[in-house]
Amino acid sequence: QVQLVESGGGLVQAGGSLRLSCAASRVIFSFNTMGWYRQA
């Protein structure tokens, strides 16, 4: 089992920037894809 934890979100004005980070609870030796999704 792998736990993923995102950070870096927040409130920002239009035109601004944010950097999101995702940490994993353990090393993942192989993967098919790693990515970011969103849901409004």
All heavy atoms as atom14 arrays in JSON, in Angstrom:
{
  "sequence": "QVQLVESGGGLVQAGGSLRLSCAASRVIFSFNTMGWYRQA",
  "atom14_mask": [
    [1, 1, 1, 1, 1, 1, 1, 1, 1, 0, 0, 0, 0, 0],
    [1, 1, 1, 1, 1, 1, 1, 0, 0, 0, 0, 0, 0, 0],
    [1, 1, 1, 1, 1, 1, 1, 1, 1, 0, 0, 0, 0, 0],
    [1, 1, 1, 1, 1, 1, 1, 1, 0, 0, 0, 0, 0, 0],
    [1, 1, 1, 1, 1, 1, 1, 0, 0, 0, 0, 0, 0, 0],
    [1, 1, 1, 1, 1, 1, 1, 1, 1, 0, 0, 0, 0, 0],
    [1, 1, 1, 1, 1, 1, 0, 0, 0, 0, 0, 0, 0, 0],
    [1, 1, 1, 1, 0, 0, 0, 0, 0, 0, 0, 0, 0, 0],
    [1, 1, 1, 1, 0, 0, 0, 0, 0, 0, 0, 0, 0, 0],
    [1, 1, 1, 1, 0, 0, 0, 0, 0, 0, 0, 0, 0, 0],
    [1, 1, 1, 1, 1, 1, 1, 1, 0, 0, 0, 0, 0, 0],
    [1, 1, 1, 1, 1, 1, 1, 0, 0, 0, 0, 0, 0, 0],
    [1, 1, 1, 1, 1, 1, 1, 1, 1, 0, 0, 0, 0, 0],
    [1, 1, 1, 1, 1, 0, 0, 0, 0, 0, 0, 0, 0, 0],
    [1, 1, 1, 1, 0, 0, 0, 0, 0, 0, 0, 0, 0, 0],
    [1, 1, 1, 1, 0, 0, 0, 0, 0, 0, 0, 0, 0, 0],
    [1, 1, 1, 1, 1, 1, 0, 0, 0, 0, 0, 0, 0, 0],
    [1, 1, 1, 1, 1, 1, 1, 1, 0, 0, 0, 0, 0, 0],
    [1, 1, 1, 1, 1, 1, 1, 1, 1, 1, 1, 0, 0, 0],
    [1, 1, 1, 1, 1, 1, 1, 1, 0, 0, 0, 0, 0, 0],
    [1, 1, 1, 1, 1, 1, 0, 0, 0, 0, 0, 0, 0, 0],
    [1, 1, 1, 1, 1, 1, 0, 0, 0, 0, 0, 0, 0, 0],
    [1, 1, 1, 1, 1, 0, 0, 0, 0, 0, 0, 0, 0, 0],
    [1, 1, 1, 1, 1, 0, 0, 0, 0, 0, 0, 0, 0, 0],
    [1, 1, 1, 1, 1, 1, 0, 0, 0, 0, 0, 0, 0, 0],
    [1, 1, 1, 1, 1, 1, 1, 1, 1, 1, 1, 0, 0, 0],
    [1, 1, 1, 1, 1, 1, 1, 0, 0, 0, 0, 0, 0, 0],
    [1, 1, 1, 1, 1, 1, 1, 1, 0, 0, 0, 0, 0, 0],
    [1, 1, 1, 1, 1, 1, 1, 1, 1, 1, 1, 0, 0, 0],
    [1, 1, 1, 1, 1, 1, 0, 0, 0, 0, 0, 0, 0, 0],
    [1, 1, 1, 1, 1, 1, 1, 1, 1, 1, 1, 0, 0, 0],
    [1, 1, 1, 1, 1, 1, 1, 1, 0, 0, 0, 0, 0, 0],
    [1, 1, 1, 1, 1, 1, 1, 0, 0, 0, 0, 0, 0, 0],
    [1, 1, 1, 1, 1, 1, 1, 1, 0, 0, 0, 0, 0, 0],
    [1, 1, 1, 1, 0, 0, 0, 0, 0, 0, 0, 0, 0, 0],
    [1, 1, 1, 1, 1, 1, 1, 1, 1, 1, 1, 1, 1, 1],
    [1, 1, 1, 1, 1, 1, 1, 1, 1, 1, 1, 1, 0, 0],
    [1, 1, 1, 1, 1, 1, 1, 1, 1, 1, 1, 0, 0, 0],
    [1, 1, 1, 1, 1, 1, 1, 1, 1, 0, 0, 0, 0, 0],
    [1, 1, 1, 1, 1, 0, 0, 0, 0, 0, 0, 0, 0, 0]
  ],
  "atom14_positions": [
    [[0.84, -1.18, 0.0], [0.0, 0.0, 0.0], [0.88, 1.24, 0.0], [1.92, 1.27, 0.65], [-0.91, 0.02, 1.23], [-1.97, 1.09, 1.22], [-3.06, 0.82, 0.21], [-3.13, -0.29, -0.36], [-3.88, 1.81, -0.06], [0.0, 0.0, 0.0], [0.0, 0.0, 0.0], [0.0, 0.0, 0.0], [0.0, 0.0, 0.0], [0.0, 0.0, 0.0]],
    [[0.46, 2.26, -0.72], [1.2, 3.5, -0.81], [0.27, 4.64, -0.4], [-0.85, 4.73, -0.88], [1.71, 3.75, -2.25], [2.4, 5.1, -2.34], [2.63, 2.62, -2.68], [0.0, 0.0, 0.0], [0.0, 0.0, 0.0], [0.0, 0.0, 0.0], [0.0, 0.0, 0.0], [0.0, 0.0, 0.0], [0.0, 0.0, 0.0], [0.0, 0.0, 0.0]],
    [[0.74, 5.49, 0.49], [0.01, 6.71, 0.82], [0.68, 7.89, 0.12], [1.9, 8.03, 0.16], [0.0, 6.96, 2.33], [-1.02, 6.13, 3.09], [-0.54, 4.71, 3.32], [0.58, 4.49, 3.72], [-1.42, 3.75, 3.07], [0.0, 0.0, 0.0], [0.0, 0.0, 0.0], [0.0, 0.0, 0.0], [0.0, 0.0, 0.0], [0.0, 0.0, 0.0]],
    [[-0.13, 8.69, -0.51], [0.34, 9.89, -1.17], [-0.21, 11.1, -0.43], [-1.4, 11.12, -0.06], [-0.12, 9.93, -2.64], [0.29, 8.75, -3.51], [-0.3, 8.9, -4.92], [1.8, 8.65, -3.6], [0.0, 0.0, 0.0], [0.0, 0.0, 0.0], [0.0, 0.0, 0.0], [0.0, 0.0, 0.0], [0.0, 0.0, 0.0], [0.0, 0.0, 0.0]],
    [[0.63, 12.1, -0.23], [0.21, 13.29, 0.5], [0.57, 14.52, -0.32], [1.76, 14.76, -0.59], [0.87, 13.37, 1.89], [0.42, 14.63, 2.61], [0.53, 12.13, 2.71], [0.0, 0.0, 0.0], [0.0, 0.0, 0.0], [0.0, 0.0, 0.0], [0.0, 0.0, 0.0], [0.0, 0.0, 0.0], [0.0, 0.0, 0.0], [0.0, 0.0, 0.0]],
    [[-0.45, 15.29, -0.68], [-0.24, 16.53, -1.42], [-0.09, 17.7, -0.45], [-0.65, 17.68, 0.64], [-1.42, 16.82, -2.37], [-1.73, 15.74, -3.37], [-2.82, 14.81, -2.89], [-3.04, 14.72, -1.68], [-3.47, 14.16, -3.76], [0.0, 0.0, 0.0], [0.0, 0.0, 0.0], [0.0, 0.0, 0.0], [0.0, 0.0, 0.0], [0.0, 0.0, 0.0]],
    [[0.61, 18.71, -0.91], [0.73, 19.96, -0.17], [0.96, 21.08, -1.15], [1.27, 20.83, -2.33], [1.87, 19.88, 0.84], [3.1, 19.66, 0.19], [0.0, 0.0, 0.0], [0.0, 0.0, 0.0], [0.0, 0.0, 0.0], [0.0, 0.0, 0.0], [0.0, 0.0, 0.0], [0.0, 0.0, 0.0], [0.0, 0.0, 0.0], [0.0, 0.0, 0.0]],
    [[0.8, 22.31, -0.66], [1.11, 23.47, -1.49], [-0.09, 24.2, -2.04], [0.07, 25.24, -2.69], [0.0, 0.0, 0.0], [0.0, 0.0, 0.0], [0.0, 0.0, 0.0], [0.0, 0.0, 0.0], [0.0, 0.0, 0.0], [0.0, 0.0, 0.0], [0.0, 0.0, 0.0], [0.0, 0.0, 0.0], [0.0, 0.0, 0.0], [0.0, 0.0, 0.0]],
    [[-1.28, 23.68, -1.81], [-2.46, 24.38, -2.29], [-2.71, 25.63, -1.48], [-2.04, 25.91, -0.48], [0.0, 0.0, 0.0], [0.0, 0.0, 0.0], [0.0, 0.0, 0.0], [0.0, 0.0, 0.0], [0.0, 0.0, 0.0], [0.0, 0.0, 0.0], [0.0, 0.0, 0.0], [0.0, 0.0, 0.0], [0.0, 0.0, 0.0], [0.0, 0.0, 0.0]],
    [[-3.69, 26.41, -1.92], [-4.01, 27.63, -1.19], [-4.84, 28.57, -2.02], [-5.4, 28.2, -3.07], [0.0, 0.0, 0.0], [0.0, 0.0, 0.0], [0.0, 0.0, 0.0], [0.0, 0.0, 0.0], [0.0, 0.0, 0.0], [0.0, 0.0, 0.0], [0.0, 0.0, 0.0], [0.0, 0.0, 0.0], [0.0, 0.0, 0.0], [0.0, 0.0, 0.0]],
    [[-4.9, 29.8, -1.55], [-5.66, 30.86, -2.18], [-4.69, 31.8, -2.88], [-3.69, 32.23, -2.28], [-6.45, 31.62, -1.11], [-7.41, 32.71, -1.55], [-8.57, 32.11, -2.32], [-7.92, 33.46, -0.33], [0.0, 0.0, 0.0], [0.0, 0.0, 0.0], [0.0, 0.0, 0.0], [0.0, 0.0, 0.0], [0.0, 0.0, 0.0], [0.0, 0.0, 0.0]],
    [[-4.97, 32.12, -4.14], [-4.06, 32.96, -4.91], [-4.88, 33.83, -5.86], [-5.97, 33.45, -6.29], [-3.04, 32.08, -5.68], [-3.73, 31.23, -6.72], [-1.95, 32.93, -6.3], [0.0, 0.0, 0.0], [0.0, 0.0, 0.0], [0.0, 0.0, 0.0], [0.0, 0.0, 0.0], [0.0, 0.0, 0.0], [0.0, 0.0, 0.0], [0.0, 0.0, 0.0]],
    [[-4.34, 35.0, -6.16], [-4.98, 35.89, -7.12], [-4.73, 35.39, -8.54], [-3.71, 34.75, -8.81], [-4.43, 37.3, -6.97], [-4.72, 37.97, -5.64], [-6.16, 38.38, -5.51], [-6.86, 38.63, -6.5], [-6.64, 38.45, -4.26], [0.0, 0.0, 0.0], [0.0, 0.0, 0.0], [0.0, 0.0, 0.0], [0.0, 0.0, 0.0], [0.0, 0.0, 0.0]],
    [[-5.65, 35.7, -9.41], [-5.46, 35.36, -10.82], [-4.14, 35.95, -11.33], [-3.81, 37.09, -11.0], [-6.62, 35.88, -11.65], [0.0, 0.0, 0.0], [0.0, 0.0, 0.0], [0.0, 0.0, 0.0], [0.0, 0.0, 0.0], [0.0, 0.0, 0.0], [0.0, 0.0, 0.0], [0.0, 0.0, 0.0], [0.0, 0.0, 0.0], [0.0, 0.0, 0.0]],
    [[-3.42, 35.13, -12.09], [-2.11, 35.54, -12.57], [-0.98, 35.08, -11.67], [0.2, 35.18, -12.07], [0.0, 0.0, 0.0], [0.0, 0.0, 0.0], [0.0, 0.0, 0.0], [0.0, 0.0, 0.0], [0.0, 0.0, 0.0], [0.0, 0.0, 0.0], [0.0, 0.0, 0.0], [0.0, 0.0, 0.0], [0.0, 0.0, 0.0], [0.0, 0.0, 0.0]],
    [[-1.31, 34.61, -10.51], [-0.3, 34.18, -9.55], [0.17, 32.76, -9.81], [-0.22, 32.12, -10.8], [0.0, 0.0, 0.0], [0.0, 0.0, 0.0], [0.0, 0.0, 0.0], [0.0, 0.0, 0.0], [0.0, 0.0, 0.0], [0.0, 0.0, 0.0], [0.0, 0.0, 0.0], [0.0, 0.0, 0.0], [0.0, 0.0, 0.0], [0.0, 0.0, 0.0]],
    [[1.01, 32.28, -8.9], [1.62, 30.95, -9.04], [1.5, 30.17, -7.74], [1.45, 30.74, -6.65], [3.1, 31.09, -9.4], [3.29, 31.74, -10.63], [0.0, 0.0, 0.0], [0.0, 0.0, 0.0], [0.0, 0.0, 0.0], [0.0, 0.0, 0.0], [0.0, 0.0, 0.0], [0.0, 0.0, 0.0], [0.0, 0.0, 0.0], [0.0, 0.0, 0.0]],
    [[1.48, 28.86, -7.9], [1.56, 27.93, -6.78], [2.38, 26.72, -7.21], [2.42, 26.39, -8.41], [0.17, 27.44, -6.35], [-0.73, 28.39, -5.55], [-2.11, 27.77, -5.37], [-0.11, 28.74, -4.21], [0.0, 0.0, 0.0], [0.0, 0.0, 0.0], [0.0, 0.0, 0.0], [0.0, 0.0, 0.0], [0.0, 0.0, 0.0], [0.0, 0.0, 0.0]],
    [[3.0, 26.08, -6.25], [3.72, 24.85, -6.52], [3.18, 23.76, -5.62], [3.27, 23.86, -4.39], [5.21, 25.02, -6.27], [6.05, 23.83, -6.73], [7.44, 23.91, -6.17], [8.37, 23.03, -6.86], [9.51, 22.6, -6.32], [9.84, 22.97, -5.1], [10.31, 21.8, -7.01], [0.0, 0.0, 0.0], [0.0, 0.0, 0.0], [0.0, 0.0, 0.0]],
    [[2.61, 22.75, -6.21], [2.11, 21.61, -5.47], [3.2, 20.54, -5.36], [3.99, 20.35, -6.29], [0.88, 21.01, -6.15], [-0.28, 21.96, -6.42], [-1.45, 21.19, -7.03], [-0.7, 22.7, -5.19], [0.0, 0.0, 0.0], [0.0, 0.0, 0.0], [0.0, 0.0, 0.0], [0.0, 0.0, 0.0], [0.0, 0.0, 0.0], [0.0, 0.0, 0.0]],
    [[3.19, 19.84, -4.23], [4.12, 18.74, -4.01], [3.34, 17.5, -3.61], [2.29, 17.59, -2.97], [5.11, 19.09, -2.9], [5.89, 20.19, -3.24], [0.0, 0.0, 0.0], [0.0, 0.0, 0.0], [0.0, 0.0, 0.0], [0.0, 0.0, 0.0], [0.0, 0.0, 0.0], [0.0, 0.0, 0.0], [0.0, 0.0, 0.0], [0.0, 0.0, 0.0]],
    [[3.88, 16.37, -3.96], [3.27, 15.09, -3.59], [4.36, 14.18, -3.06], [5.33, 13.89, -3.78], [2.57, 14.46, -4.79], [1.88, 12.82, -4.47], [0.0, 0.0, 0.0], [0.0, 0.0, 0.0], [0.0, 0.0, 0.0], [0.0, 0.0, 0.0], [0.0, 0.0, 0.0], [0.0, 0.0, 0.0], [0.0, 0.0, 0.0], [0.0, 0.0, 0.0]],
    [[4.2, 13.75, -1.82], [5.15, 12.83, -1.2], [4.52, 11.45, -1.09], [3.31, 11.32, -0.92], [5.55, 13.34, 0.18], [0.0, 0.0, 0.0], [0.0, 0.0, 0.0], [0.0, 0.0, 0.0], [0.0, 0.0, 0.0], [0.0, 0.0, 0.0], [0.0, 0.0, 0.0], [0.0, 0.0, 0.0], [0.0, 0.0, 0.0], [0.0, 0.0, 0.0]],
    [[5.37, 10.43, -1.14], [4.9, 9.05, -1.03], [5.44, 8.44, 0.26], [6.51, 8.79, 0.73], [5.36, 8.23, -2.23], [0.0, 0.0, 0.0], [0.0, 0.0, 0.0], [0.0, 0.0, 0.0], [0.0, 0.0, 0.0], [0.0, 0.0, 0.0], [0.0, 0.0, 0.0], [0.0, 0.0, 0.0], [0.0, 0.0, 0.0], [0.0, 0.0, 0.0]],
    [[4.67, 7.5, 0.81], [5.02, 6.89, 2.1], [6.16, 5.88, 1.97], [6.77, 5.51, 2.97], [3.79, 6.21, 2.7], [3.3, 5.2, 1.82], [0.0, 0.0, 0.0], [0.0, 0.0, 0.0], [0.0, 0.0, 0.0], [0.0, 0.0, 0.0], [0.0, 0.0, 0.0], [0.0, 0.0, 0.0], [0.0, 0.0, 0.0], [0.0, 0.0, 0.0]],
    [[6.42, 5.44, 0.76], [7.52, 4.5, 0.56], [8.03, 4.64, -0.85], [7.41, 5.27, -1.7], [7.07, 3.07, 0.83], [6.01, 2.54, -0.12], [5.81, 1.03, 0.09], [4.8, 0.46, -0.79], [5.0, 0.11, -2.04], [6.19, 0.28, -2.59], [4.03, -0.45, -2.74], [0.0, 0.0, 0.0], [0.0, 0.0, 0.0], [0.0, 0.0, 0.0]],
    [[9.18, 4.06, -1.08], [9.76, 4.09, -2.42], [8.91, 3.25, -3.36], [8.47, 2.15, -3.01], [11.21, 3.55, -2.39], [11.76, 3.46, -3.81], [12.09, 4.43, -1.53], [0.0, 0.0, 0.0], [0.0, 0.0, 0.0], [0.0, 0.0, 0.0], [0.0, 0.0, 0.0], [0.0, 0.0, 0.0], [0.0, 0.0, 0.0], [0.0, 0.0, 0.0]],
    [[8.67, 3.78, -4.53], [7.96, 3.05, -5.57], [8.98, 2.71, -6.65], [9.51, 3.61, -7.3], [6.81, 3.89, -6.15], [5.79, 4.2, -5.06], [6.14, 3.15, -7.31], [4.68, 5.13, -5.49], [0.0, 0.0, 0.0], [0.0, 0.0, 0.0], [0.0, 0.0, 0.0], [0.0, 0.0, 0.0], [0.0, 0.0, 0.0], [0.0, 0.0, 0.0]],
    [[9.24, 1.46, -6.8], [10.34, 1.05, -7.68], [9.96, 1.11, -9.16], [10.81, 1.31, -10.01], [10.8, -0.35, -7.31], [11.48, -0.4, -5.97], [10.8, -0.85, -4.85], [12.79, 0.03, -5.81], [11.41, -0.89, -3.61], [13.41, -0.01, -4.59], [12.73, -0.46, -3.48], [0.0, 0.0, 0.0], [0.0, 0.0, 0.0], [0.0, 0.0, 0.0]],
    [[8.7, 0.92, -9.46], [8.29, 1.01, -10.85], [6.87, 1.53, -10.91], [6.07, 1.3, -10.01], [8.39, -0.35, -11.54], [7.48, -1.26, -10.98], [0.0, 0.0, 0.0], [0.0, 0.0, 0.0], [0.0, 0.0, 0.0], [0.0, 0.0, 0.0], [0.0, 0.0, 0.0], [0.0, 0.0, 0.0], [0.0, 0.0, 0.0], [0.0, 0.0, 0.0]],
    [[6.58, 2.24, -11.97], [5.25, 2.8, -12.12], [4.93, 2.91, -13.59], [5.82, 2.87, -14.46], [5.17, 4.19, -11.46], [6.05, 5.22, -12.13], [5.52, 6.09, -13.07], [7.39, 5.31, -11.8], [6.33, 7.04, -13.68], [8.2, 6.26, -12.41], [7.67, 7.12, -13.34], [0.0, 0.0, 0.0], [0.0, 0.0, 0.0], [0.0, 0.0, 0.0]],
    [[3.67, 3.04, -13.91], [3.25, 3.27, -15.29], [3.16, 4.78, -15.56], [3.71, 5.27, -16.54], [1.91, 2.6, -15.55], [2.02, 1.09, -15.44], [3.04, 0.5, -15.78], [0.96, 0.46, -14.97], [0.0, 0.0, 0.0], [0.0, 0.0, 0.0], [0.0, 0.0, 0.0], [0.0, 0.0, 0.0], [0.0, 0.0, 0.0], [0.0, 0.0, 0.0]],
    [[2.43, 5.48, -14.7], [2.35, 6.93, -14.8], [2.3, 7.55, -13.41], [1.85, 6.91, -12.45], [1.11, 7.4, -15.59], [-0.07, 7.0, -14.89], [1.09, 6.84, -16.99], [0.0, 0.0, 0.0], [0.0, 0.0, 0.0], [0.0, 0.0, 0.0], [0.0, 0.0, 0.0], [0.0, 0.0, 0.0], [0.0, 0.0, 0.0], [0.0, 0.0, 0.0]],
    [[2.76, 8.77, -13.3], [2.62, 9.6, -12.11], [2.0, 10.9, -12.6], [2.44, 11.43, -13.63], [3.98, 9.87, -11.47], [4.73, 8.63, -11.07], [6.44, 9.01, -10.64], [6.22, 10.11, -9.27], [0.0, 0.0, 0.0], [0.0, 0.0, 0.0], [0.0, 0.0, 0.0], [0.0, 0.0, 0.0], [0.0, 0.0, 0.0], [0.0, 0.0, 0.0]],
    [[1.01, 11.38, -11.87], [0.38, 12.57, -12.4], [-0.46, 13.34, -11.42], [-0.57, 13.0, -10.24], [0.0, 0.0, 0.0], [0.0, 0.0, 0.0], [0.0, 0.0, 0.0], [0.0, 0.0, 0.0], [0.0, 0.0, 0.0], [0.0, 0.0, 0.0], [0.0, 0.0, 0.0], [0.0, 0.0, 0.0], [0.0, 0.0, 0.0], [0.0, 0.0, 0.0]],
    [[-1.0, 14.42, -11.93], [-1.89, 15.3, -11.19], [-3.24, 15.36, -11.89], [-3.29, 15.49, -13.13], [-1.31, 16.71, -11.1], [-0.09, 16.81, -10.24], [1.21, 16.72, -10.64], [-0.07, 17.02, -8.83], [2.04, 16.85, -9.57], [1.28, 17.04, -8.43], [-1.05, 17.18, -7.85], [1.67, 17.23, -7.11], [-0.67, 17.37, -6.54], [0.68, 17.39, -6.18]],
    [[-4.28, 15.27, -11.1], [-5.64, 15.4, -11.58], [-6.32, 16.49, -10.74], [-5.82, 16.86, -9.68], [-6.4, 14.08, -11.41], [-5.9, 12.97, -12.31], [-4.69, 12.34, -12.06], [-6.65, 12.54, -13.4], [-4.23, 11.32, -12.89], [-6.21, 11.52, -14.23], [-4.99, 10.92, -13.96], [-4.54, 9.91, -14.78], [0.0, 0.0, 0.0], [0.0, 0.0, 0.0]],
    [[-7.45, 16.97, -11.22], [-8.2, 17.95, -10.45], [-9.69, 17.73, -10.62], [-10.13, 17.18, -11.63], [-7.82, 19.38, -10.86], [-8.24, 19.78, -12.26], [-7.69, 21.15, -12.59], [-8.08, 21.58, -13.94], [-7.63, 22.67, -14.52], [-6.75, 23.48, -13.89], [-8.04, 23.0, -15.74], [0.0, 0.0, 0.0], [0.0, 0.0, 0.0], [0.0, 0.0, 0.0]],
    [[-10.41, 18.19, -9.61], [-11.86, 18.09, -9.65], [-12.47, 19.37, -9.11], [-12.25, 19.72, -7.95], [-12.35, 16.88, -8.85], [-13.83, 16.62, -9.0], [-14.24, 15.27, -8.47], [-13.53, 14.65, -7.68], [-15.4, 14.77, -8.9], [0.0, 0.0, 0.0], [0.0, 0.0, 0.0], [0.0, 0.0, 0.0], [0.0, 0.0, 0.0], [0.0, 0.0, 0.0]],
    [[-13.2, 20.05, -9.97], [-13.9, 21.25, -9.57], [-15.31, 20.87, -9.11], [-15.83, 19.82, -9.5], [-13.97, 22.23, -10.74], [0.0, 0.0, 0.0], [0.0, 0.0, 0.0], [0.0, 0.0, 0.0], [0.0, 0.0, 0.0], [0.0, 0.0, 0.0], [0.0, 0.0, 0.0], [0.0, 0.0, 0.0], [0.0, 0.0, 0.0], [0.0, 0.0, 0.0]]
  ]
}
